[in-house]
Amino acid sequence: MYAVIETGGQQHRVTPGETIKVQKLASESGAQISIGKVLFVSQDTGVVIGKPYIDKASVTAEVIGNRRDPKVLVYKQKPRKGYRKLNGHKQTYTLLKIKDIVVGG
């Protein structure tokens, strides 16, 4: 069984027991959250497709914690002008452990 969910403007394919990395959520570590934007669910009995979301479907997940990606350096330079600029960026994200996929309940 798997589902396709939407969170943070991105779509993720999830299965129970899987750990995924999503854009930062305002939840504490250890909290249980429910994601209601379920686009697609594949079960043993068949598939359910939403228009755009499936009614009465949700994915339950546990927040493992908020983390930061490694630093990405952004370097800009213009030739023959003496312009150089160096910026760094560390993207924040939330780790989620998928617990359960519920359809129609």
N, C-alpha and C. Protein backbone atom coordinates (compact mmCIF):
# COMPACT_ATOMS: atom_id res chain seq x y z
N MET A 1 0.84 -1.18 0.00
CA MET A 1 0.00 0.00 0.00
C MET A 1 0.88 1.23 0.00
N TYR A 2 0.53 2.20 -0.85
CA TYR A 2 1.24 3.47 -0.85
C TYR A 2 0.26 4.58 -1.20
N ALA A 3 0.69 5.81 -0.93
CA ALA A 3 -0.14 6.97 -1.22
C ALA A 3 0.75 8.09 -1.74
N VAL A 4 0.11 9.02 -2.45
CA VAL A 4 0.78 10.23 -2.89
C VAL A 4 0.13 11.38 -2.14
N ILE A 5 0.95 12.12 -1.37
CA ILE A 5 0.43 13.24 -0.57
C ILE A 5 1.05 14.54 -1.06
N GLU A 6 0.42 15.64 -0.66
CA GLU A 6 0.94 16.96 -0.98
C GLU A 6 1.17 17.72 0.32
N THR A 7 2.38 18.22 0.48
CA THR A 7 2.71 19.05 1.64
C THR A 7 3.80 20.04 1.24
N GLY A 8 3.62 21.28 1.60
CA GLY A 8 4.61 22.30 1.27
C GLY A 8 4.72 22.58 -0.22
N GLY A 9 3.65 22.33 -0.98
CA GLY A 9 3.67 22.57 -2.41
C GLY A 9 4.38 21.48 -3.19
N GLN A 10 4.76 20.39 -2.53
CA GLN A 10 5.44 19.28 -3.19
C GLN A 10 4.64 18.00 -2.99
N GLN A 11 4.81 17.06 -3.90
CA GLN A 11 4.13 15.77 -3.80
C GLN A 11 5.14 14.70 -3.42
N HIS A 12 4.73 13.81 -2.53
CA HIS A 12 5.60 12.74 -2.04
C HIS A 12 4.87 11.41 -2.11
N ARG A 13 5.56 10.36 -2.55
CA ARG A 13 5.03 8.99 -2.54
C ARG A 13 5.47 8.36 -1.24
N VAL A 14 4.50 7.93 -0.42
CA VAL A 14 4.81 7.43 0.93
C VAL A 14 4.23 6.04 1.13
N THR A 15 4.91 5.27 1.97
CA THR A 15 4.44 3.96 2.42
C THR A 15 4.55 3.92 3.93
N PRO A 16 3.74 3.13 4.62
CA PRO A 16 3.85 3.05 6.08
C PRO A 16 5.25 2.54 6.50
N GLY A 17 5.81 3.20 7.52
CA GLY A 17 7.13 2.85 8.02
C GLY A 17 8.26 3.63 7.37
N GLU A 18 7.96 4.39 6.34
CA GLU A 18 8.98 5.13 5.61
C GLU A 18 9.26 6.47 6.30
N THR A 19 10.48 6.98 6.18
CA THR A 19 10.86 8.29 6.68
C THR A 19 11.07 9.21 5.48
N ILE A 20 10.39 10.37 5.49
CA ILE A 20 10.51 11.31 4.38
C ILE A 20 10.96 12.67 4.88
N LYS A 21 11.49 13.47 3.96
CA LYS A 21 11.97 14.81 4.26
C LYS A 21 11.06 15.80 3.54
N VAL A 22 10.36 16.66 4.31
CA VAL A 22 9.43 17.63 3.73
C VAL A 22 9.85 19.03 4.15
N GLN A 23 9.25 20.04 3.51
CA GLN A 23 9.55 21.41 3.91
C GLN A 23 9.14 21.62 5.36
N LYS A 24 9.80 22.56 6.03
CA LYS A 24 9.65 22.74 7.47
C LYS A 24 8.19 22.94 7.88
N LEU A 25 7.79 22.17 8.91
CA LEU A 25 6.46 22.28 9.50
C LEU A 25 6.59 22.84 10.91
N ALA A 26 5.56 23.55 11.35
CA ALA A 26 5.57 24.14 12.69
C ALA A 26 5.03 23.13 13.70
N SER A 27 5.77 22.04 13.89
CA SER A 27 5.37 20.99 14.84
C SER A 27 6.59 20.60 15.67
N GLU A 28 6.33 20.21 16.90
CA GLU A 28 7.40 19.79 17.79
C GLU A 28 7.81 18.36 17.49
N SER A 29 8.99 18.00 17.91
CA SER A 29 9.49 16.65 17.75
C SER A 29 8.65 15.69 18.58
N GLY A 30 8.27 14.56 17.99
CA GLY A 30 7.44 13.57 18.67
C GLY A 30 5.95 13.76 18.50
N ALA A 31 5.53 14.84 17.86
CA ALA A 31 4.10 15.11 17.67
C ALA A 31 3.54 14.25 16.55
N GLN A 32 2.26 13.88 16.67
CA GLN A 32 1.55 13.14 15.64
C GLN A 32 0.80 14.15 14.77
N ILE A 33 0.97 14.08 13.46
CA ILE A 33 0.25 14.97 12.57
C ILE A 33 -0.54 14.14 11.56
N SER A 34 -1.57 14.75 11.01
CA SER A 34 -2.40 14.10 10.01
C SER A 34 -2.38 14.97 8.75
N ILE A 35 -2.03 14.37 7.63
CA ILE A 35 -1.97 15.08 6.36
C ILE A 35 -3.21 14.69 5.57
N GLY A 36 -4.06 15.68 5.28
CA GLY A 36 -5.33 15.42 4.62
C GLY A 36 -5.30 15.57 3.11
N LYS A 37 -4.23 16.12 2.57
CA LYS A 37 -4.14 16.31 1.12
C LYS A 37 -3.57 15.06 0.48
N VAL A 38 -4.44 14.06 0.29
CA VAL A 38 -4.04 12.78 -0.30
C VAL A 38 -4.55 12.77 -1.74
N LEU A 39 -3.65 12.61 -2.69
CA LEU A 39 -3.99 12.66 -4.11
C LEU A 39 -4.30 11.28 -4.70
N PHE A 40 -3.64 10.24 -4.19
CA PHE A 40 -3.72 8.92 -4.80
C PHE A 40 -3.41 7.87 -3.74
N VAL A 41 -4.16 6.77 -3.75
CA VAL A 41 -3.89 5.66 -2.84
C VAL A 41 -3.97 4.37 -3.64
N SER A 42 -2.94 3.54 -3.49
CA SER A 42 -2.92 2.22 -4.12
C SER A 42 -3.01 1.18 -3.01
N GLN A 43 -4.05 0.32 -3.07
CA GLN A 43 -4.25 -0.72 -2.08
C GLN A 43 -4.21 -2.07 -2.78
N ASP A 44 -4.36 -3.15 -2.00
CA ASP A 44 -4.42 -4.48 -2.58
C ASP A 44 -5.68 -4.67 -3.42
N THR A 45 -6.76 -3.98 -3.04
CA THR A 45 -8.04 -4.13 -3.74
C THR A 45 -8.13 -3.26 -4.98
N GLY A 46 -7.27 -2.27 -5.13
CA GLY A 46 -7.32 -1.39 -6.29
C GLY A 46 -6.74 -0.03 -5.95
N VAL A 47 -7.02 0.94 -6.81
CA VAL A 47 -6.51 2.28 -6.61
C VAL A 47 -7.66 3.26 -6.42
N VAL A 48 -7.38 4.36 -5.70
CA VAL A 48 -8.34 5.44 -5.51
C VAL A 48 -7.64 6.72 -5.95
N ILE A 49 -8.28 7.45 -6.85
CA ILE A 49 -7.70 8.68 -7.38
C ILE A 49 -8.58 9.84 -6.97
N GLY A 50 -7.97 10.92 -6.48
CA GLY A 50 -8.71 12.10 -6.04
C GLY A 50 -8.91 13.10 -7.16
N LYS A 51 -9.86 14.02 -6.93
CA LYS A 51 -10.16 15.07 -7.90
C LYS A 51 -10.19 16.43 -7.22
N PRO A 52 -9.17 17.09 -6.82
CA PRO A 52 -7.77 16.67 -6.81
C PRO A 52 -7.41 15.86 -5.58
N TYR A 53 -8.21 15.96 -4.49
CA TYR A 53 -7.89 15.22 -3.27
C TYR A 53 -8.97 14.17 -3.00
N ILE A 54 -8.61 13.14 -2.26
CA ILE A 54 -9.54 12.08 -1.90
C ILE A 54 -10.27 12.51 -0.63
N ASP A 55 -11.62 12.45 -0.66
CA ASP A 55 -12.42 12.78 0.52
C ASP A 55 -12.22 11.70 1.58
N LYS A 56 -12.15 12.10 2.83
CA LYS A 56 -12.05 11.20 3.98
C LYS A 56 -10.81 10.29 3.90
N ALA A 57 -9.73 10.82 3.38
CA ALA A 57 -8.46 10.07 3.36
C ALA A 57 -7.41 10.91 4.06
N SER A 58 -6.55 10.25 4.81
CA SER A 58 -5.48 10.96 5.51
C SER A 58 -4.29 10.04 5.72
N VAL A 59 -3.16 10.67 5.94
CA VAL A 59 -1.93 9.95 6.25
C VAL A 59 -1.46 10.45 7.62
N THR A 60 -1.25 9.53 8.54
CA THR A 60 -0.79 9.87 9.88
C THR A 60 0.73 9.70 9.93
N ALA A 61 1.40 10.70 10.50
CA ALA A 61 2.86 10.67 10.57
C ALA A 61 3.32 11.21 11.91
N GLU A 62 4.52 10.81 12.31
CA GLU A 62 5.15 11.29 13.53
C GLU A 62 6.32 12.18 13.14
N VAL A 63 6.41 13.35 13.79
CA VAL A 63 7.50 14.28 13.51
C VAL A 63 8.75 13.80 14.25
N ILE A 64 9.79 13.52 13.50
CA ILE A 64 11.06 13.11 14.11
C ILE A 64 11.84 14.33 14.57
N GLY A 65 11.83 15.39 13.77
CA GLY A 65 12.51 16.61 14.18
C GLY A 65 12.74 17.54 13.00
N ASN A 66 13.16 18.76 13.32
CA ASN A 66 13.50 19.75 12.31
C ASN A 66 15.02 19.78 12.18
N ARG A 67 15.50 19.76 10.95
CA ARG A 67 16.93 19.73 10.68
C ARG A 67 17.27 20.74 9.60
N ARG A 68 18.57 20.82 9.27
CA ARG A 68 19.03 21.70 8.21
C ARG A 68 19.94 20.93 7.26
N ASP A 69 19.79 21.21 5.97
CA ASP A 69 20.65 20.60 4.96
C ASP A 69 22.06 21.18 5.06
N PRO A 70 23.03 20.52 4.45
CA PRO A 70 24.38 21.10 4.39
C PRO A 70 24.37 22.42 3.63
N LYS A 71 25.36 23.24 3.92
CA LYS A 71 25.43 24.57 3.31
C LYS A 71 25.71 24.46 1.81
N VAL A 72 24.97 25.27 1.05
CA VAL A 72 25.17 25.39 -0.39
C VAL A 72 25.75 26.77 -0.64
N LEU A 73 26.89 26.85 -1.31
CA LEU A 73 27.51 28.13 -1.62
C LEU A 73 27.04 28.63 -2.97
N VAL A 74 26.66 29.92 -3.02
CA VAL A 74 26.21 30.56 -4.25
C VAL A 74 27.21 31.66 -4.56
N TYR A 75 27.88 31.54 -5.70
CA TYR A 75 28.93 32.48 -6.09
C TYR A 75 28.53 33.17 -7.38
N LYS A 76 28.58 34.52 -7.37
CA LYS A 76 28.27 35.29 -8.56
C LYS A 76 29.48 36.15 -8.92
N GLN A 77 29.71 36.29 -10.22
CA GLN A 77 30.81 37.12 -10.68
C GLN A 77 30.47 37.67 -12.05
N LYS A 78 30.85 38.94 -12.27
CA LYS A 78 30.69 39.53 -13.59
C LYS A 78 32.09 39.77 -14.17
N PRO A 79 32.29 39.32 -15.38
CA PRO A 79 33.63 39.46 -15.95
C PRO A 79 34.02 40.93 -16.20
N ARG A 80 35.26 41.24 -15.93
CA ARG A 80 35.88 42.56 -16.19
C ARG A 80 35.22 43.70 -15.44
N LYS A 81 34.45 43.46 -14.40
CA LYS A 81 33.77 44.52 -13.67
C LYS A 81 34.20 44.60 -12.20
N GLY A 82 34.91 43.60 -11.73
CA GLY A 82 35.34 43.60 -10.33
C GLY A 82 34.21 43.25 -9.37
N TYR A 83 33.15 42.63 -9.87
CA TYR A 83 32.01 42.26 -9.03
C TYR A 83 32.09 40.78 -8.68
N ARG A 84 32.17 40.50 -7.39
CA ARG A 84 32.14 39.12 -6.90
C ARG A 84 31.29 39.09 -5.64
N LYS A 85 30.47 38.07 -5.53
CA LYS A 85 29.60 37.95 -4.35
C LYS A 85 29.50 36.48 -3.98
N LEU A 86 29.61 36.17 -2.68
CA LEU A 86 29.52 34.81 -2.18
C LEU A 86 28.46 34.76 -1.09
N ASN A 87 27.46 33.91 -1.29
CA ASN A 87 26.40 33.72 -0.31
C ASN A 87 26.32 32.25 0.05
N GLY A 88 25.87 31.95 1.26
CA GLY A 88 25.63 30.58 1.68
C GLY A 88 24.17 30.42 2.08
N HIS A 89 23.66 29.19 1.93
CA HIS A 89 22.26 28.92 2.27
C HIS A 89 22.14 27.53 2.87
N LYS A 90 21.41 27.41 3.97
CA LYS A 90 21.11 26.12 4.59
C LYS A 90 19.60 25.99 4.68
N GLN A 91 19.03 25.06 3.90
CA GLN A 91 17.58 24.86 3.86
C GLN A 91 17.13 24.07 5.07
N THR A 92 16.05 24.51 5.73
CA THR A 92 15.49 23.77 6.86
C THR A 92 14.43 22.80 6.34
N TYR A 93 14.31 21.66 7.01
CA TYR A 93 13.33 20.65 6.63
C TYR A 93 12.86 19.91 7.87
N THR A 94 11.80 19.14 7.72
CA THR A 94 11.24 18.33 8.80
C THR A 94 11.27 16.87 8.36
N LEU A 95 11.72 16.00 9.26
CA LEU A 95 11.69 14.56 9.01
C LEU A 95 10.40 13.99 9.56
N LEU A 96 9.68 13.22 8.73
CA LEU A 96 8.42 12.59 9.13
C LEU A 96 8.55 11.08 8.99
N LYS A 97 8.05 10.35 9.96
CA LYS A 97 7.95 8.88 9.87
C LYS A 97 6.48 8.56 9.64
N ILE A 98 6.17 7.95 8.50
CA ILE A 98 4.79 7.63 8.13
C ILE A 98 4.31 6.45 8.96
N LYS A 99 3.18 6.63 9.64
CA LYS A 99 2.62 5.57 10.49
C LYS A 99 1.52 4.79 9.79
N ASP A 100 0.54 5.50 9.20
CA ASP A 100 -0.64 4.81 8.69
C ASP A 100 -1.26 5.60 7.55
N ILE A 101 -1.90 4.89 6.63
CA ILE A 101 -2.67 5.49 5.54
C ILE A 101 -4.13 5.05 5.72
N VAL A 102 -5.04 6.02 5.85
CA VAL A 102 -6.44 5.73 6.11
C VAL A 102 -7.26 6.27 4.93
N VAL A 103 -8.12 5.41 4.37
CA VAL A 103 -9.00 5.81 3.27
C VAL A 103 -10.45 5.55 3.69
N GLY A 104 -11.28 6.59 3.60
CA GLY A 104 -12.71 6.44 3.86
C GLY A 104 -13.07 6.20 5.31
N GLY A 105 -12.26 6.66 6.24
CA GLY A 105 -12.59 6.41 7.62
C GLY A 105 -12.21 7.46 8.50
